[in-house]
Amino acid sequence: MQDARNRQGRGRTLSAERASEVLAILKKDAETTYAHYEEFLGGPPAEAGAAPAADDEPLARELARINLPVSFYTQWYWKIDLHNLFHFLRLRMDPHAQYEIRAYGEAMARIAEAWVPLCWEAFTDYRLKAVSLSRVETDIVRLLLKGQSTAAIVAELSKREREELAHKLGIDLDGLG
């Protein structure tokens, strides 16, 4: 179901009955649109890669796939350096990212970890599991380290900012004032 607070996220799981209904509708729609896609291309070829008969008047592939839903998987070949791959994965594996893209990110992460384990470890330590502090949060940490009161600065933070900082530092909200 749609999440009540996160407008781009999901909330509670559907009942098994409703999930089955939705899945059946999605499957039927996908089969219909894919059949139309094949028809636009001149019908399903006799064998993979075979060209349609000339009298079928097939559409260009980029026009034929116009009605395919975004839920269809795409295959692509990609050249990327590790820096940008890790940036891509950090964004896709963020807890706020949509579930489906997180699943892809996690699958790609397992491949990257097996491929370049030392780089993956450094990425995990210094980016993926690292904590970024704002200027105000850094000021609060400095005061905490000096044993000084943070009450004045913490009082200026919104509730969300206090909760985020408490989560980052792993301490009680009450411990910040």
N, C-alpha and C. Protein backbone atom coordinates (compact mmCIF):
# COMPACT_ATOMS: atom_id res chain seq x y z
N MET A 1 0.85 -1.18 0.00
CA MET A 1 0.00 0.00 0.00
C MET A 1 0.88 1.24 0.00
N GLN A 2 0.30 2.36 -0.35
CA GLN A 2 1.05 3.62 -0.33
C GLN A 2 1.36 4.01 1.10
N ASP A 3 2.60 4.44 1.34
CA ASP A 3 3.00 4.90 2.67
C ASP A 3 2.30 6.22 2.97
N ALA A 4 1.87 6.40 4.19
CA ALA A 4 1.14 7.62 4.57
C ALA A 4 2.05 8.84 4.63
N ARG A 5 3.35 8.64 4.93
CA ARG A 5 4.26 9.78 5.06
C ARG A 5 5.18 9.93 3.86
N ASN A 6 5.74 8.83 3.37
CA ASN A 6 6.68 8.88 2.25
C ASN A 6 5.88 8.74 0.97
N ARG A 7 5.72 9.83 0.25
CA ARG A 7 4.87 9.83 -0.94
C ARG A 7 5.43 9.00 -2.09
N GLN A 8 6.70 8.61 -2.00
CA GLN A 8 7.30 7.79 -3.05
C GLN A 8 7.59 6.38 -2.56
N GLY A 9 7.07 6.02 -1.41
CA GLY A 9 7.37 4.72 -0.85
C GLY A 9 6.14 3.91 -0.56
N ARG A 10 6.38 2.69 -0.20
CA ARG A 10 5.27 1.82 0.13
C ARG A 10 5.17 1.67 1.64
N GLY A 11 4.01 1.33 2.09
CA GLY A 11 3.77 1.16 3.51
C GLY A 11 3.47 -0.29 3.82
N ARG A 12 2.30 -0.49 4.37
CA ARG A 12 1.85 -1.81 4.79
C ARG A 12 1.71 -2.76 3.59
N THR A 13 1.96 -4.06 3.80
CA THR A 13 1.84 -5.07 2.75
C THR A 13 0.37 -5.36 2.47
N LEU A 14 0.05 -5.57 1.20
CA LEU A 14 -1.32 -5.93 0.82
C LEU A 14 -1.69 -7.30 1.37
N SER A 15 -2.99 -7.54 1.49
CA SER A 15 -3.43 -8.88 1.87
C SER A 15 -3.04 -9.85 0.76
N ALA A 16 -2.93 -11.12 1.08
CA ALA A 16 -2.54 -12.13 0.08
C ALA A 16 -3.54 -12.17 -1.07
N GLU A 17 -4.82 -12.05 -0.75
CA GLU A 17 -5.86 -12.08 -1.78
C GLU A 17 -5.72 -10.89 -2.73
N ARG A 18 -5.56 -9.68 -2.18
CA ARG A 18 -5.43 -8.48 -3.01
C ARG A 18 -4.14 -8.53 -3.82
N ALA A 19 -3.05 -9.02 -3.22
CA ALA A 19 -1.78 -9.14 -3.93
C ALA A 19 -1.91 -10.07 -5.12
N SER A 20 -2.64 -11.17 -4.97
CA SER A 20 -2.86 -12.11 -6.07
C SER A 20 -3.66 -11.47 -7.19
N GLU A 21 -4.69 -10.69 -6.81
CA GLU A 21 -5.50 -9.99 -7.82
C GLU A 21 -4.64 -9.01 -8.61
N VAL A 22 -3.85 -8.21 -7.90
CA VAL A 22 -3.00 -7.22 -8.55
C VAL A 22 -1.99 -7.91 -9.46
N LEU A 23 -1.36 -8.98 -8.98
CA LEU A 23 -0.38 -9.71 -9.78
C LEU A 23 -1.01 -10.28 -11.05
N ALA A 24 -2.22 -10.81 -10.95
CA ALA A 24 -2.90 -11.37 -12.12
C ALA A 24 -3.18 -10.28 -13.16
N ILE A 25 -3.62 -9.11 -12.70
CA ILE A 25 -3.89 -8.00 -13.62
C ILE A 25 -2.60 -7.53 -14.28
N LEU A 26 -1.54 -7.38 -13.49
CA LEU A 26 -0.26 -6.93 -14.03
C LEU A 26 0.28 -7.93 -15.05
N LYS A 27 0.17 -9.22 -14.74
CA LYS A 27 0.66 -10.25 -15.66
C LYS A 27 -0.12 -10.21 -16.97
N LYS A 28 -1.43 -10.10 -16.88
CA LYS A 28 -2.27 -10.04 -18.08
C LYS A 28 -1.92 -8.81 -18.93
N ASP A 29 -1.79 -7.65 -18.29
CA ASP A 29 -1.43 -6.43 -19.01
C ASP A 29 -0.07 -6.55 -19.67
N ALA A 30 0.90 -7.14 -18.96
CA ALA A 30 2.25 -7.29 -19.50
C ALA A 30 2.24 -8.22 -20.71
N GLU A 31 1.50 -9.31 -20.63
CA GLU A 31 1.42 -10.24 -21.76
C GLU A 31 0.77 -9.58 -22.97
N THR A 32 -0.26 -8.79 -22.72
CA THR A 32 -0.95 -8.09 -23.82
C THR A 32 -0.04 -7.07 -24.49
N THR A 33 0.61 -6.23 -23.69
CA THR A 33 1.47 -5.21 -24.29
C THR A 33 2.68 -5.83 -24.98
N TYR A 34 3.21 -6.93 -24.43
CA TYR A 34 4.35 -7.57 -25.10
C TYR A 34 3.91 -8.21 -26.41
N ALA A 35 2.71 -8.79 -26.45
CA ALA A 35 2.19 -9.37 -27.69
C ALA A 35 2.02 -8.27 -28.75
N HIS A 36 1.55 -7.11 -28.33
CA HIS A 36 1.42 -5.99 -29.27
C HIS A 36 2.78 -5.53 -29.75
N TYR A 37 3.75 -5.50 -28.86
CA TYR A 37 5.12 -5.13 -29.21
C TYR A 37 5.64 -6.07 -30.30
N GLU A 38 5.46 -7.37 -30.08
CA GLU A 38 5.91 -8.34 -31.09
C GLU A 38 5.18 -8.15 -32.40
N GLU A 39 3.88 -7.87 -32.32
CA GLU A 39 3.08 -7.62 -33.52
C GLU A 39 3.61 -6.40 -34.28
N PHE A 40 3.93 -5.34 -33.54
CA PHE A 40 4.47 -4.13 -34.16
C PHE A 40 5.78 -4.42 -34.89
N LEU A 41 6.54 -5.37 -34.36
CA LEU A 41 7.81 -5.73 -34.98
C LEU A 41 7.64 -6.67 -36.17
N GLY A 42 6.41 -7.07 -36.43
CA GLY A 42 6.15 -7.98 -37.55
C GLY A 42 5.81 -9.38 -37.10
N GLY A 43 5.44 -9.53 -35.85
CA GLY A 43 5.08 -10.84 -35.32
C GLY A 43 6.29 -11.51 -34.73
N PRO A 44 6.07 -12.47 -33.85
CA PRO A 44 7.23 -13.14 -33.25
C PRO A 44 8.00 -13.89 -34.34
N PRO A 45 9.30 -13.60 -34.48
CA PRO A 45 10.09 -14.28 -35.52
C PRO A 45 10.18 -15.78 -35.25
N ALA A 46 10.41 -16.53 -36.31
CA ALA A 46 10.50 -17.99 -36.17
C ALA A 46 11.65 -18.38 -35.25
N GLU A 47 12.73 -17.64 -35.30
CA GLU A 47 13.86 -17.91 -34.41
C GLU A 47 14.45 -16.59 -33.96
N ALA A 48 15.10 -16.60 -32.84
CA ALA A 48 15.66 -15.38 -32.28
C ALA A 48 16.58 -14.70 -33.27
N GLY A 49 16.36 -13.41 -33.47
CA GLY A 49 17.22 -12.62 -34.35
C GLY A 49 16.78 -12.65 -35.80
N ALA A 50 15.80 -13.48 -36.14
CA ALA A 50 15.35 -13.54 -37.53
C ALA A 50 14.55 -12.30 -37.86
N ALA A 51 14.73 -11.80 -39.05
CA ALA A 51 14.02 -10.59 -39.48
C ALA A 51 12.59 -10.95 -39.87
N PRO A 52 11.62 -10.06 -39.61
CA PRO A 52 10.25 -10.33 -40.02
C PRO A 52 10.13 -10.29 -41.55
N ALA A 53 9.09 -10.90 -42.05
CA ALA A 53 8.87 -10.88 -43.50
C ALA A 53 8.66 -9.44 -43.96
N ALA A 54 9.08 -9.15 -45.18
CA ALA A 54 9.03 -7.78 -45.69
C ALA A 54 7.61 -7.24 -45.79
N ASP A 55 6.64 -8.13 -46.03
CA ASP A 55 5.26 -7.64 -46.20
C ASP A 55 4.54 -7.38 -44.87
N ASP A 56 5.18 -7.61 -43.74
CA ASP A 56 4.56 -7.37 -42.43
C ASP A 56 4.56 -5.89 -42.04
N GLU A 57 5.33 -5.07 -42.74
CA GLU A 57 5.46 -3.65 -42.43
C GLU A 57 5.74 -3.40 -40.95
N PRO A 58 6.86 -3.92 -40.46
CA PRO A 58 7.17 -3.74 -39.04
C PRO A 58 7.53 -2.29 -38.72
N LEU A 59 7.25 -1.91 -37.48
CA LEU A 59 7.65 -0.60 -36.99
C LEU A 59 9.12 -0.64 -36.59
N ALA A 60 9.72 0.52 -36.52
CA ALA A 60 11.07 0.60 -35.98
C ALA A 60 11.01 0.19 -34.51
N ARG A 61 12.07 -0.46 -34.02
CA ARG A 61 12.06 -0.97 -32.64
C ARG A 61 11.77 0.11 -31.62
N GLU A 62 12.35 1.32 -31.81
CA GLU A 62 12.12 2.38 -30.82
C GLU A 62 10.66 2.84 -30.79
N LEU A 63 9.94 2.67 -31.92
CA LEU A 63 8.51 2.99 -31.92
C LEU A 63 7.69 1.81 -31.40
N ALA A 64 8.12 0.60 -31.72
CA ALA A 64 7.38 -0.59 -31.29
C ALA A 64 7.34 -0.71 -29.78
N ARG A 65 8.40 -0.31 -29.10
CA ARG A 65 8.44 -0.48 -27.64
C ARG A 65 7.80 0.68 -26.89
N ILE A 66 7.19 1.60 -27.61
CA ILE A 66 6.60 2.80 -26.98
C ILE A 66 5.54 2.44 -25.94
N ASN A 67 4.78 1.38 -26.17
CA ASN A 67 3.71 1.05 -25.22
C ASN A 67 4.12 0.05 -24.15
N LEU A 68 5.38 -0.39 -24.16
CA LEU A 68 5.82 -1.31 -23.11
C LEU A 68 5.86 -0.57 -21.78
N PRO A 69 5.37 -1.18 -20.71
CA PRO A 69 5.38 -0.50 -19.41
C PRO A 69 6.80 -0.39 -18.85
N VAL A 70 6.99 0.56 -17.97
CA VAL A 70 8.31 0.77 -17.38
C VAL A 70 8.73 -0.40 -16.51
N SER A 71 7.82 -1.29 -16.19
CA SER A 71 8.17 -2.44 -15.35
C SER A 71 8.94 -3.52 -16.11
N PHE A 72 9.02 -3.41 -17.44
CA PHE A 72 9.79 -4.39 -18.20
C PHE A 72 11.27 -4.20 -17.92
N TYR A 73 11.96 -5.29 -17.71
CA TYR A 73 13.39 -5.24 -17.44
C TYR A 73 14.13 -4.83 -18.70
N THR A 74 15.23 -4.15 -18.50
CA THR A 74 16.06 -3.69 -19.60
C THR A 74 17.43 -4.32 -19.46
N GLN A 75 18.00 -4.68 -20.58
CA GLN A 75 19.36 -5.19 -20.60
C GLN A 75 20.22 -4.09 -21.21
N TRP A 76 21.34 -3.81 -20.56
CA TRP A 76 22.23 -2.80 -21.12
C TRP A 76 23.67 -3.16 -20.84
N TYR A 77 24.54 -2.57 -21.63
CA TYR A 77 25.97 -2.74 -21.46
C TYR A 77 26.49 -1.39 -21.00
N TRP A 78 27.35 -1.42 -20.02
CA TRP A 78 27.68 -0.21 -19.29
C TRP A 78 29.18 -0.17 -19.03
N LYS A 79 29.79 0.97 -19.31
CA LYS A 79 31.18 1.19 -18.93
C LYS A 79 31.18 2.25 -17.84
N ILE A 80 31.86 1.94 -16.74
CA ILE A 80 31.86 2.87 -15.62
C ILE A 80 33.12 2.63 -14.79
N ASP A 81 33.64 3.68 -14.20
CA ASP A 81 34.78 3.50 -13.31
C ASP A 81 34.26 3.19 -11.90
N LEU A 82 35.15 2.72 -11.03
CA LEU A 82 34.73 2.32 -9.67
C LEU A 82 34.15 3.48 -8.88
N HIS A 83 34.75 4.65 -9.01
CA HIS A 83 34.25 5.81 -8.26
C HIS A 83 32.77 6.04 -8.57
N ASN A 84 32.42 6.07 -9.84
CA ASN A 84 31.03 6.34 -10.21
C ASN A 84 30.12 5.14 -9.96
N LEU A 85 30.65 3.92 -10.07
CA LEU A 85 29.87 2.74 -9.72
C LEU A 85 29.50 2.78 -8.24
N PHE A 86 30.48 3.09 -7.39
CA PHE A 86 30.20 3.14 -5.96
C PHE A 86 29.23 4.27 -5.63
N HIS A 87 29.34 5.40 -6.32
CA HIS A 87 28.38 6.49 -6.10
C HIS A 87 26.97 6.03 -6.48
N PHE A 88 26.85 5.38 -7.63
CA PHE A 88 25.57 4.84 -8.09
C PHE A 88 25.00 3.88 -7.05
N LEU A 89 25.85 2.96 -6.54
CA LEU A 89 25.38 1.97 -5.57
C LEU A 89 24.98 2.61 -4.25
N ARG A 90 25.74 3.63 -3.82
CA ARG A 90 25.39 4.30 -2.56
C ARG A 90 23.99 4.92 -2.66
N LEU A 91 23.68 5.53 -3.79
CA LEU A 91 22.36 6.12 -3.97
C LEU A 91 21.27 5.05 -4.05
N ARG A 92 21.56 3.96 -4.78
CA ARG A 92 20.55 2.92 -4.99
C ARG A 92 20.33 2.07 -3.75
N MET A 93 21.32 1.98 -2.88
CA MET A 93 21.20 1.14 -1.68
C MET A 93 20.76 1.94 -0.45
N ASP A 94 20.51 3.21 -0.63
CA ASP A 94 20.07 4.04 0.49
C ASP A 94 18.72 3.53 1.00
N PRO A 95 18.52 3.51 2.31
CA PRO A 95 17.23 3.03 2.85
C PRO A 95 16.02 3.81 2.33
N HIS A 96 16.23 5.04 1.87
CA HIS A 96 15.12 5.84 1.35
C HIS A 96 14.81 5.53 -0.12
N ALA A 97 15.68 4.78 -0.80
CA ALA A 97 15.47 4.46 -2.21
C ALA A 97 14.31 3.47 -2.34
N GLN A 98 13.68 3.49 -3.49
CA GLN A 98 12.57 2.58 -3.76
C GLN A 98 13.05 1.14 -3.65
N TYR A 99 12.21 0.27 -3.12
CA TYR A 99 12.59 -1.12 -2.85
C TYR A 99 13.20 -1.81 -4.08
N GLU A 100 12.55 -1.67 -5.25
CA GLU A 100 13.00 -2.38 -6.44
C GLU A 100 14.42 -1.97 -6.85
N ILE A 101 14.74 -0.68 -6.78
CA ILE A 101 16.08 -0.24 -7.17
C ILE A 101 17.09 -0.64 -6.10
N ARG A 102 16.65 -0.70 -4.83
CA ARG A 102 17.55 -1.19 -3.77
C ARG A 102 17.91 -2.64 -4.03
N ALA A 103 16.95 -3.44 -4.48
CA ALA A 103 17.22 -4.86 -4.77
C ALA A 103 18.26 -4.98 -5.88
N TYR A 104 18.14 -4.16 -6.92
CA TYR A 104 19.16 -4.15 -7.97
C TYR A 104 20.51 -3.70 -7.41
N GLY A 105 20.50 -2.64 -6.63
CA GLY A 105 21.74 -2.14 -6.04
C GLY A 105 22.43 -3.18 -5.19
N GLU A 106 21.66 -3.90 -4.40
CA GLU A 106 22.24 -4.93 -3.53
C GLU A 106 22.81 -6.09 -4.35
N ALA A 107 22.14 -6.45 -5.44
CA ALA A 107 22.65 -7.52 -6.31
C ALA A 107 23.96 -7.07 -6.97
N MET A 108 23.99 -5.83 -7.44
CA MET A 108 25.22 -5.29 -8.05
C MET A 108 26.33 -5.18 -7.01
N ALA A 109 25.96 -4.85 -5.78
CA ALA A 109 26.95 -4.70 -4.71
C ALA A 109 27.63 -6.04 -4.43
N ARG A 110 26.87 -7.13 -4.44
CA ARG A 110 27.47 -8.45 -4.21
C ARG A 110 28.50 -8.78 -5.29
N ILE A 111 28.20 -8.38 -6.53
CA ILE A 111 29.13 -8.61 -7.63
C ILE A 111 30.39 -7.77 -7.43
N ALA A 112 30.20 -6.49 -7.11
CA ALA A 112 31.34 -5.58 -6.89
C ALA A 112 32.20 -6.06 -5.73
N GLU A 113 31.57 -6.53 -4.67
CA GLU A 113 32.32 -7.00 -3.51
C GLU A 113 33.19 -8.21 -3.87
N ALA A 114 32.66 -9.11 -4.67
CA ALA A 114 33.43 -10.29 -5.08
C ALA A 114 34.52 -9.91 -6.08
N TRP A 115 34.27 -8.90 -6.89
CA TRP A 115 35.18 -8.49 -7.96
C TRP A 115 36.37 -7.69 -7.41
N VAL A 116 36.09 -6.73 -6.54
CA VAL A 116 37.15 -5.85 -6.00
C VAL A 116 36.98 -5.76 -4.48
N PRO A 117 37.30 -6.82 -3.74
CA PRO A 117 37.01 -6.87 -2.31
C PRO A 117 37.68 -5.77 -1.48
N LEU A 118 38.91 -5.42 -1.78
CA LEU A 118 39.59 -4.38 -1.00
C LEU A 118 38.95 -3.01 -1.26
N CYS A 119 38.63 -2.74 -2.52
CA CYS A 119 37.95 -1.48 -2.84
C CYS A 119 36.57 -1.44 -2.20
N TRP A 120 35.88 -2.59 -2.24
CA TRP A 120 34.54 -2.64 -1.63
C TRP A 120 34.63 -2.36 -0.13
N GLU A 121 35.61 -2.94 0.52
CA GLU A 121 35.77 -2.72 1.96
C GLU A 121 36.02 -1.23 2.26
N ALA A 122 36.88 -0.60 1.48
CA ALA A 122 37.15 0.83 1.67
C ALA A 122 35.89 1.65 1.40
N PHE A 123 35.17 1.32 0.34
CA PHE A 123 33.93 2.02 0.03
C PHE A 123 32.92 1.87 1.17
N THR A 124 32.79 0.66 1.69
CA THR A 124 31.85 0.41 2.79
C THR A 124 32.25 1.23 4.02
N ASP A 125 33.54 1.22 4.35
CA ASP A 125 34.01 1.94 5.54
C ASP A 125 33.89 3.45 5.41
N TYR A 126 34.27 3.98 4.24
CA TYR A 126 34.40 5.43 4.11
C TYR A 126 33.24 6.12 3.41
N ARG A 127 32.35 5.37 2.78
CA ARG A 127 31.21 5.99 2.11
C ARG A 127 29.87 5.37 2.53
N LEU A 128 29.73 4.08 2.30
CA LEU A 128 28.44 3.42 2.50
C LEU A 128 27.98 3.46 3.96
N LYS A 129 28.88 3.16 4.89
CA LYS A 129 28.53 3.14 6.31
C LYS A 129 29.04 4.36 7.05
N ALA A 130 29.57 5.34 6.32
CA ALA A 130 30.08 6.56 6.95
C ALA A 130 28.91 7.48 7.31
N VAL A 131 29.18 8.40 8.21
CA VAL A 131 28.17 9.37 8.64
C VAL A 131 28.65 10.76 8.22
N SER A 132 27.76 11.51 7.62
CA SER A 132 28.08 12.88 7.22
C SER A 132 27.40 13.83 8.20
N LEU A 133 28.17 14.79 8.69
CA LEU A 133 27.64 15.75 9.65
C LEU A 133 27.54 17.14 9.03
N SER A 134 26.47 17.83 9.33
CA SER A 134 26.32 19.21 8.90
C SER A 134 27.23 20.10 9.76
N ARG A 135 27.32 21.36 9.42
CA ARG A 135 28.13 22.30 10.19
C ARG A 135 27.64 22.36 11.63
N VAL A 136 26.34 22.46 11.82
CA VAL A 136 25.78 22.55 13.17
C VAL A 136 26.02 21.25 13.94
N GLU A 137 25.85 20.12 13.26
CA GLU A 137 26.10 18.84 13.93
C GLU A 137 27.57 18.71 14.34
N THR A 138 28.47 19.19 13.48
CA THR A 138 29.89 19.17 13.81
C THR A 138 30.17 20.04 15.04
N ASP A 139 29.54 21.20 15.11
CA ASP A 139 29.70 22.08 16.29
C ASP A 139 29.24 21.37 17.56
N ILE A 140 28.12 20.66 17.45
CA ILE A 140 27.59 19.93 18.61
C ILE A 140 28.56 18.83 19.05
N VAL A 141 29.10 18.08 18.09
CA VAL A 141 30.05 17.02 18.42
C VAL A 141 31.29 17.62 19.10
N ARG A 142 31.78 18.75 18.59
CA ARG A 142 32.95 19.39 19.21
C ARG A 142 32.67 19.75 20.67
N LEU A 143 31.48 20.32 20.91
CA LEU A 143 31.11 20.68 22.29
C LEU A 143 31.01 19.43 23.17
N LEU A 144 30.41 18.37 22.62
CA LEU A 144 30.29 17.12 23.38
C LEU A 144 31.66 16.57 23.74
N LEU A 145 32.60 16.63 22.79
CA LEU A 145 33.94 16.11 23.05
C LEU A 145 34.68 16.93 24.10
N LYS A 146 34.34 18.21 24.17
CA LYS A 146 34.97 19.08 25.16
C LYS A 146 34.26 19.00 26.51
N GLY A 147 33.15 18.25 26.54
CA GLY A 147 32.39 18.14 27.78
C GLY A 147 31.55 19.37 28.08
N GLN A 148 31.31 20.20 27.07
CA GLN A 148 30.53 21.42 27.26
C GLN A 148 29.07 21.18 26.91
N SER A 149 28.21 22.08 27.37
CA SER A 149 26.77 21.96 27.14
C SER A 149 26.44 22.23 25.67
N THR A 150 25.54 21.41 25.15
CA THR A 150 25.07 21.58 23.78
C THR A 150 23.63 22.08 23.76
N ALA A 151 23.06 22.37 24.92
CA ALA A 151 21.64 22.70 25.04
C ALA A 151 21.22 23.85 24.14
N ALA A 152 22.02 24.90 24.07
CA ALA A 152 21.64 26.07 23.28
C ALA A 152 21.54 25.74 21.79
N ILE A 153 22.51 25.00 21.29
CA ILE A 153 22.50 24.66 19.85
C ILE A 153 21.40 23.64 19.56
N VAL A 154 21.29 22.64 20.41
CA VAL A 154 20.29 21.59 20.20
C VAL A 154 18.89 22.16 20.22
N ALA A 155 18.65 23.15 21.05
CA ALA A 155 17.32 23.77 21.14
C ALA A 155 16.91 24.43 19.83
N GLU A 156 17.89 24.83 19.02
CA GLU A 156 17.58 25.48 17.74
C GLU A 156 17.28 24.47 16.63
N LEU A 157 17.59 23.20 16.85
CA LEU A 157 17.33 22.18 15.83
C LEU A 157 15.86 21.81 15.81
N SER A 158 15.37 21.46 14.63
CA SER A 158 14.00 20.95 14.53
C SER A 158 13.96 19.55 15.11
N LYS A 159 12.77 19.04 15.32
CA LYS A 159 12.62 17.68 15.87
C LYS A 159 13.29 16.67 14.94
N ARG A 160 13.08 16.82 13.63
CA ARG A 160 13.68 15.91 12.66
C ARG A 160 15.20 15.97 12.72
N GLU A 161 15.76 17.18 12.82
CA GLU A 161 17.21 17.33 12.90
C GLU A 161 17.78 16.69 14.17
N ARG A 162 17.07 16.85 15.29
CA ARG A 162 17.52 16.23 16.54
C ARG A 162 17.49 14.70 16.42
N GLU A 163 16.41 14.19 15.83
CA GLU A 163 16.30 12.73 15.68
C GLU A 163 17.38 12.19 14.75
N GLU A 164 17.65 12.90 13.66
CA GLU A 164 18.70 12.45 12.74
C GLU A 164 20.07 12.46 13.41
N LEU A 165 20.36 13.51 14.16
CA LEU A 165 21.65 13.59 14.84
C LEU A 165 21.77 12.49 15.90
N ALA A 166 20.71 12.28 16.65
CA ALA A 166 20.72 11.22 17.67
C ALA A 166 20.97 9.87 17.02
N HIS A 167 20.36 9.64 15.85
CA HIS A 167 20.56 8.39 15.12
C HIS A 167 22.01 8.27 14.64
N LYS A 168 22.55 9.35 14.08
CA LYS A 168 23.94 9.35 13.59
C LYS A 168 24.92 9.05 14.72
N LEU A 169 24.68 9.64 15.88
CA LEU A 169 25.62 9.48 17.00
C LEU A 169 25.31 8.25 17.85
N GLY A 170 24.13 7.68 17.66
CA GLY A 170 23.75 6.50 18.41
C GLY A 170 23.51 6.80 19.89
N ILE A 171 22.95 7.99 20.17
CA ILE A 171 22.66 8.36 21.56
C ILE A 171 21.22 8.79 21.69
N ASP A 172 20.76 8.84 22.93
CA ASP A 172 19.40 9.29 23.22
C ASP A 172 19.23 10.77 22.89
N LEU A 173 18.03 11.15 22.46
CA LEU A 173 17.75 12.56 22.23
C LEU A 173 18.00 13.37 23.51
N ASP A 174 17.65 12.78 24.63
CA ASP A 174 17.83 13.48 25.90
C ASP A 174 19.30 13.74 26.18
N GLY A 175 20.19 12.90 25.63
CA GLY A 175 21.60 13.06 25.87
C GLY A 175 22.24 14.22 25.11
N LEU A 176 21.48 14.86 24.22
CA LEU A 176 22.04 15.95 23.42
C LEU A 176 21.89 17.31 24.09
N GLY A 177 21.16 17.44 25.14
CA GLY A 177 20.95 18.76 25.73
C GLY A 177 21.67 18.86 27.02
